[in-house]
Amino acid sequence: MVKIEVLGTGCAKCKRMLRNVEKAVETAGIDAEIVKVEDLDEIISRGVMMTPALFIDGEAKAVGRIPGIDEIRELLET
């Protein structure tokens, strides 16, 4: 199972990224755990200074921008 984390404090951009992640997982048909990380200390401890951020299996894949659904699917399939 893939672990996907969306880091952000709950702003509109963070919510949009979460929706994109959910759609990408659904259309890719993969088994994934999606976690929303809103704790500011946790976000900073990972070195993220600009949100939203996307982590897949503990690795930063996008920081400070919102990847599209197709891009997220590509990241999940690699």
Protein backbone atom coordinates (compact mmCIF):
# COMPACT_ATOMS: atom_id res chain seq x y z
CA MET A 1 0.00 0.00 0.00
CA VAL A 2 1.24 3.46 -0.91
CA LYS A 3 1.23 6.14 1.78
CA ILE A 4 0.37 9.59 0.43
CA GLU A 5 0.62 12.64 2.65
CA VAL A 6 -0.71 16.09 1.84
CA LEU A 7 0.97 18.68 4.05
CA GLY A 8 -0.80 21.98 4.58
CA THR A 9 -2.64 24.01 7.15
CA GLY A 10 -6.06 23.76 5.51
CA CYS A 11 -5.97 26.58 2.98
CA ALA A 12 -7.86 26.39 -0.32
CA LYS A 13 -4.74 25.23 -2.19
CA CYS A 14 -4.18 22.40 0.29
CA LYS A 15 -7.78 21.29 -0.06
CA ARG A 16 -7.49 21.36 -3.85
CA MET A 17 -4.36 19.20 -3.72
CA LEU A 18 -6.13 16.71 -1.46
CA ARG A 19 -9.02 16.49 -3.95
CA ASN A 20 -6.53 15.96 -6.81
CA VAL A 21 -4.79 13.20 -4.86
CA GLU A 22 -8.10 11.47 -4.11
CA LYS A 23 -9.13 11.62 -7.78
CA ALA A 24 -5.72 10.38 -8.96
CA VAL A 25 -5.83 7.42 -6.58
CA GLU A 26 -9.39 6.59 -7.62
CA THR A 27 -8.68 6.74 -11.37
CA ALA A 28 -5.39 4.84 -11.02
CA GLY A 29 -7.14 2.11 -9.05
CA ILE A 30 -4.32 1.73 -6.55
CA ASP A 31 -4.43 0.84 -2.87
CA ALA A 32 -3.31 3.95 -0.98
CA GLU A 33 -3.52 5.48 2.45
CA ILE A 34 -4.11 9.22 2.16
CA VAL A 35 -3.13 11.30 5.20
CA LYS A 36 -3.68 15.03 5.68
CA VAL A 37 -0.92 16.58 7.81
CA GLU A 38 -1.96 19.94 9.25
CA ASP A 39 0.37 20.15 12.26
CA LEU A 40 2.72 23.07 11.60
CA ASP A 41 5.56 21.58 13.68
CA GLU A 42 5.37 18.35 11.65
CA ILE A 43 5.35 20.28 8.37
CA ILE A 44 8.40 22.33 9.37
CA SER A 45 10.24 19.27 10.71
CA ARG A 46 10.12 17.85 7.18
CA GLY A 47 11.79 20.94 5.78
CA VAL A 48 8.66 22.23 4.07
CA MET A 49 8.55 26.02 4.09
CA MET A 50 5.86 26.45 1.44
CA THR A 51 2.60 24.53 1.32
CA PRO A 52 0.93 22.57 -0.01
CA ALA A 53 3.36 19.69 -0.19
CA LEU A 54 2.91 16.15 -1.47
CA PHE A 55 4.84 13.23 0.01
CA ILE A 56 4.63 9.71 -1.38
CA ASP A 57 6.07 6.96 0.82
CA GLY A 58 7.96 9.59 2.84
CA GLU A 59 9.56 11.31 -0.16
CA ALA A 60 8.71 14.89 -1.19
CA LYS A 61 7.27 14.93 -4.71
CA ALA A 62 5.80 18.46 -4.92
CA VAL A 63 6.32 21.44 -2.62
CA GLY A 64 4.68 24.83 -2.90
CA ARG A 65 2.55 23.92 -5.91
CA ILE A 66 -0.48 21.84 -6.82
CA PRO A 67 0.27 19.03 -9.26
CA GLY A 68 -2.54 18.04 -11.59
CA ILE A 69 -4.35 14.73 -11.38
CA ASP A 70 -2.40 13.24 -14.30
CA GLU A 71 0.94 14.27 -12.78
CA ILE A 72 -0.01 12.70 -9.46
CA ARG A 73 -1.00 9.48 -11.23
CA GLU A 74 2.40 9.41 -12.96
CA LEU A 75 4.14 9.90 -9.61
CA LEU A 76 2.14 7.03 -8.13
CA GLU A 77 2.86 4.68 -11.01
CA THR A 78 6.66 5.14 -10.96
